[in-house]
Amino acid sequence: MTNAKTTWIEKHRFNGISDSGHQIVVDGDKTAGNSPMELVLIGLCGCTGYDVISILQKKREPFTSLEVRAQAERATEQPSVYTEIKLIYRVGGKVTRKAVEDAVRLSKEKYCSVSAMLAKTAKITAEVEYVDG
């Protein structure tokens, strides 16, 4: 079981903490921290990024960097869940395209629990950009 909690600070700000002990400010107004929905996207990028790096390391691919960005659209009516999410993976190094594409596919189809949850309401697509170095 994983535990998390938030404690109200002021206005629409909360201090969040989970079992890891790391704290984060959550702000519905986006003035002092990320909004809850922004944190969901950050969580998705981190989850799939972890998967892709792990897979590339196991395949001994010589990557030098990875950036994962998310561009998302939300429903116009409440609850305004994400309906479309485009993930952009920017990979640096002399990696093989097949290895990266396989890693991205495996993350989406098998490993990333955040992606699996979001796929219940959102169409998730992926694009890979390659950078030398």
C-alpha atoms as a PDB file:
ATOM      1  CA  MET A   1       0.000   0.000   0.000  1.00  0.00           C
ATOM      2  CA  THR A   2       1.181   3.507  -0.825  1.00  0.00           C
ATOM      3  CA  ASN A   3       0.137   6.455   1.302  1.00  0.00           C
ATOM      4  CA  ALA A   4      -0.027  10.129   0.407  1.00  0.00           C
ATOM      5  CA  LYS A   5      -1.566  13.187   2.013  1.00  0.00           C
ATOM      6  CA  THR A   6      -1.936  16.899   1.520  1.00  0.00           C
ATOM      7  CA  THR A   7      -2.241  19.553   4.198  1.00  0.00           C
ATOM      8  CA  TRP A   8      -3.858  22.887   3.381  1.00  0.00           C
ATOM      9  CA  ILE A   9      -1.476  25.859   3.627  1.00  0.00           C
ATOM     10  CA  GLU A  10      -3.521  28.818   2.315  1.00  0.00           C
ATOM     11  CA  LYS A  11      -5.698  29.851  -0.636  1.00  0.00           C
ATOM     12  CA  HIS A  12      -5.573  26.830  -2.988  1.00  0.00           C
ATOM     13  CA  ARG A  13      -2.159  25.633  -1.800  1.00  0.00           C
ATOM     14  CA  PHE A  14      -1.384  22.341  -0.147  1.00  0.00           C
ATOM     15  CA  ASN A  15       1.753  20.652   1.097  1.00  0.00           C
ATOM     16  CA  GLY A  16       1.858  17.113  -0.285  1.00  0.00           C
ATOM     17  CA  ILE A  17       3.880  14.235   1.093  1.00  0.00           C
ATOM     18  CA  SER A  18       3.955  10.499   0.485  1.00  0.00           C
ATOM     19  CA  ASP A  19       5.729   7.451   1.889  1.00  0.00           C
ATOM     20  CA  SER A  20       9.048   8.485   0.338  1.00  0.00           C
ATOM     21  CA  GLY A  21       9.068  11.513   2.640  1.00  0.00           C
ATOM     22  CA  HIS A  22       9.556  14.028  -0.169  1.00  0.00           C
ATOM     23  CA  GLN A  23       7.356  17.103   0.042  1.00  0.00           C
ATOM     24  CA  ILE A  24       5.859  19.110  -2.792  1.00  0.00           C
ATOM     25  CA  VAL A  25       3.660  22.187  -3.006  1.00  0.00           C
ATOM     26  CA  VAL A  26       0.434  21.610  -4.928  1.00  0.00           C
ATOM     27  CA  ASP A  27      -1.347  24.792  -6.013  1.00  0.00           C
ATOM     28  CA  GLY A  28      -4.683  24.860  -7.813  1.00  0.00           C
ATOM     29  CA  ASP A  29      -3.952  28.481  -8.787  1.00  0.00           C
ATOM     30  CA  LYS A  30      -0.488  27.549 -10.176  1.00  0.00           C
ATOM     31  CA  THR A  31       1.157  30.482  -8.395  1.00  0.00           C
ATOM     32  CA  ALA A  32       3.316  28.631  -5.847  1.00  0.00           C
ATOM     33  CA  GLY A  33       3.462  25.126  -7.295  1.00  0.00           C
ATOM     34  CA  ASN A  34       2.138  22.780  -9.923  1.00  0.00           C
ATOM     35  CA  SER A  35      -1.575  22.124 -10.216  1.00  0.00           C
ATOM     36  CA  PRO A  36      -2.796  18.581  -9.537  1.00  0.00           C
ATOM     37  CA  MET A  37      -3.377  17.958 -13.260  1.00  0.00           C
ATOM     38  CA  GLU A  38       0.104  19.246 -14.133  1.00  0.00           C
ATOM     39  CA  LEU A  39       1.518  16.798 -11.591  1.00  0.00           C
ATOM     40  CA  VAL A  40      -0.330  13.974 -13.350  1.00  0.00           C
ATOM     41  CA  LEU A  41       1.462  14.854 -16.603  1.00  0.00           C
ATOM     42  CA  ILE A  42       4.800  15.170 -14.811  1.00  0.00           C
ATOM     43  CA  GLY A  43       4.135  11.749 -13.269  1.00  0.00           C
ATOM     44  CA  LEU A  44       3.408  10.301 -16.717  1.00  0.00           C
ATOM     45  CA  CYS A  45       6.619  11.755 -18.176  1.00  0.00           C
ATOM     46  CA  GLY A  46       8.653  10.464 -15.246  1.00  0.00           C
ATOM     47  CA  CYS A  47       7.069   7.004 -15.340  1.00  0.00           C
ATOM     48  CA  THR A  48       7.569   6.397 -19.043  1.00  0.00           C
ATOM     49  CA  GLY A  49      10.999   8.055 -18.957  1.00  0.00           C
ATOM     50  CA  TYR A  50      12.083   5.629 -16.238  1.00  0.00           C
ATOM     51  CA  ASP A  51      10.885   2.706 -18.359  1.00  0.00           C
ATOM     52  CA  VAL A  52      12.615   3.881 -21.530  1.00  0.00           C
ATOM     53  CA  ILE A  53      15.931   4.521 -19.758  1.00  0.00           C
ATOM     54  CA  SER A  54      15.793   1.135 -18.021  1.00  0.00           C
ATOM     55  CA  ILE A  55      15.094  -0.693 -21.283  1.00  0.00           C
ATOM     56  CA  LEU A  56      17.812   1.179 -23.196  1.00  0.00           C
ATOM     57  CA  GLN A  57      20.322   0.442 -20.426  1.00  0.00           C
ATOM     58  CA  LYS A  58      19.457  -3.276 -20.530  1.00  0.00           C
ATOM     59  CA  LYS A  59      19.963  -3.233 -24.310  1.00  0.00           C
ATOM     60  CA  ARG A  60      23.295  -1.429 -23.781  1.00  0.00           C
ATOM     61  CA  GLU A  61      22.205   1.403 -26.053  1.00  0.00           C
ATOM     62  CA  PRO A  62      24.631   4.381 -25.913  1.00  0.00           C
ATOM     63  CA  PHE A  63      22.110   7.114 -25.104  1.00  0.00           C
ATOM     64  CA  THR A  64      23.390  10.355 -23.602  1.00  0.00           C
ATOM     65  CA  SER A  65      20.139  12.118 -22.721  1.00  0.00           C
ATOM     66  CA  LEU A  66      16.384  11.724 -22.561  1.00  0.00           C
ATOM     67  CA  GLU A  67      13.725  14.386 -22.266  1.00  0.00           C
ATOM     68  CA  VAL A  68      10.051  13.438 -22.212  1.00  0.00           C
ATOM     69  CA  ARG A  69       7.469  16.166 -22.871  1.00  0.00           C
ATOM     70  CA  ALA A  70       3.695  15.884 -22.745  1.00  0.00           C
ATOM     71  CA  GLN A  71       1.198  18.005 -24.671  1.00  0.00           C
ATOM     72  CA  ALA A  72      -2.326  17.385 -23.456  1.00  0.00           C
ATOM     73  CA  GLU A  73      -5.928  18.358 -24.114  1.00  0.00           C
ATOM     74  CA  ARG A  74      -8.638  18.240 -21.465  1.00  0.00           C
ATOM     75  CA  ALA A  75     -12.370  17.686 -21.647  1.00  0.00           C
ATOM     76  CA  THR A  76     -14.419  20.884 -21.775  1.00  0.00           C
ATOM     77  CA  GLU A  77     -16.938  19.638 -19.190  1.00  0.00           C
ATOM     78  CA  GLN A  78     -16.377  18.568 -15.596  1.00  0.00           C
ATOM     79  CA  PRO A  79     -14.563  16.494 -14.664  1.00  0.00           C
ATOM     80  CA  SER A  80     -12.090  17.921 -17.156  1.00  0.00           C
ATOM     81  CA  VAL A  81      -9.984  14.793 -17.559  1.00  0.00           C
ATOM     82  CA  TYR A  82      -7.243  14.489 -20.130  1.00  0.00           C
ATOM     83  CA  THR A  83      -8.677  13.316 -23.444  1.00  0.00           C
ATOM     84  CA  GLU A  84      -5.555  13.447 -25.632  1.00  0.00           C
ATOM     85  CA  ILE A  85      -1.909  13.264 -24.637  1.00  0.00           C
ATOM     86  CA  LYS A  86       1.037  13.423 -27.008  1.00  0.00           C
ATOM     87  CA  LEU A  87       4.346  12.276 -25.551  1.00  0.00           C
ATOM     88  CA  ILE A  88       7.506  13.553 -27.212  1.00  0.00           C
ATOM     89  CA  TYR A  89      10.668  11.628 -26.410  1.00  0.00           C
ATOM     90  CA  ARG A  90      13.883  13.526 -27.247  1.00  0.00           C
ATOM     91  CA  VAL A  91      16.727  11.016 -27.179  1.00  0.00           C
ATOM     92  CA  GLY A  92      20.417  11.890 -27.433  1.00  0.00           C
ATOM     93  CA  GLY A  93      23.243   9.597 -28.404  1.00  0.00           C
ATOM     94  CA  LYS A  94      24.067   7.012 -31.030  1.00  0.00           C
ATOM     95  CA  VAL A  95      21.023   4.845 -30.335  1.00  0.00           C
ATOM     96  CA  THR A  96      19.302   2.562 -32.795  1.00  0.00           C
ATOM     97  CA  ARG A  97      15.831   3.740 -33.763  1.00  0.00           C
ATOM     98  CA  LYS A  98      14.369   0.269 -33.351  1.00  0.00           C
ATOM     99  CA  ALA A  99      15.631   0.013 -29.758  1.00  0.00           C
ATOM    100  CA  VAL A 100      14.111   3.375 -28.833  1.00  0.00           C
ATOM    101  CA  GLU A 101      10.816   2.657 -30.575  1.00  0.00           C
ATOM    102  CA  ASP A 102      10.614  -0.754 -28.869  1.00  0.00           C
ATOM    103  CA  ALA A 103      11.335   0.858 -25.482  1.00  0.00           C
ATOM    104  CA  VAL A 104       8.606   3.493 -25.989  1.00  0.00           C
ATOM    105  CA  ARG A 105       6.119   0.813 -27.096  1.00  0.00           C
ATOM    106  CA  LEU A 106       6.940  -1.476 -24.153  1.00  0.00           C
ATOM    107  CA  SER A 107       6.547   1.395 -21.718  1.00  0.00           C
ATOM    108  CA  LYS A 108       3.085   2.193 -23.082  1.00  0.00           C
ATOM    109  CA  GLU A 109       1.849  -1.375 -23.516  1.00  0.00           C
ATOM    110  CA  LYS A 110       3.410  -3.132 -20.533  1.00  0.00           C
ATOM    111  CA  TYR A 111       5.278  -1.162 -17.893  1.00  0.00           C
ATOM    112  CA  CYS A 112       4.032   2.390 -17.270  1.00  0.00           C
ATOM    113  CA  SER A 113       1.216   2.260 -14.717  1.00  0.00           C
ATOM    114  CA  VAL A 114       0.503   5.989 -15.070  1.00  0.00           C
ATOM    115  CA  SER A 115       0.023   5.553 -18.814  1.00  0.00           C
ATOM    116  CA  ALA A 116      -2.265   2.557 -18.219  1.00  0.00           C
ATOM    117  CA  MET A 117      -4.483   4.629 -15.913  1.00  0.00           C
ATOM    118  CA  LEU A 118      -4.607   7.663 -18.189  1.00  0.00           C
ATOM    119  CA  ALA A 119      -5.352   5.508 -21.243  1.00  0.00           C
ATOM    120  CA  LYS A 120      -8.809   4.875 -19.724  1.00  0.00           C
ATOM    121  CA  THR A 121      -9.822   8.444 -20.668  1.00  0.00           C
ATOM    122  CA  ALA A 122      -7.122   9.752 -23.001  1.00  0.00           C
ATOM    123  CA  LYS A 123      -5.773   8.789 -26.390  1.00  0.00           C
ATOM    124  CA  ILE A 124      -2.011   8.645 -25.853  1.00  0.00           C
ATOM    125  CA  THR A 125       0.323   8.992 -28.814  1.00  0.00           C
ATOM    126  CA  ALA A 126       4.094   9.132 -29.003  1.00  0.00           C
ATOM    127  CA  GLU A 127       6.706  10.807 -31.150  1.00  0.00           C
ATOM    128  CA  VAL A 128      10.474  10.335 -30.962  1.00  0.00           C
ATOM    129  CA  GLU A 129      13.053  12.997 -31.786  1.00  0.00           C
ATOM    130  CA  TYR A 130      16.711  12.024 -32.151  1.00  0.00           C
ATOM    131  CA  VAL A 131      19.584  14.303 -31.174  1.00  0.00           C
ATOM    132  CA  ASP A 132      23.237  13.517 -31.879  1.00  0.00           C
ATOM    133  CA  GLY A 133      25.576  13.567 -28.919  1.00  0.00           C
END
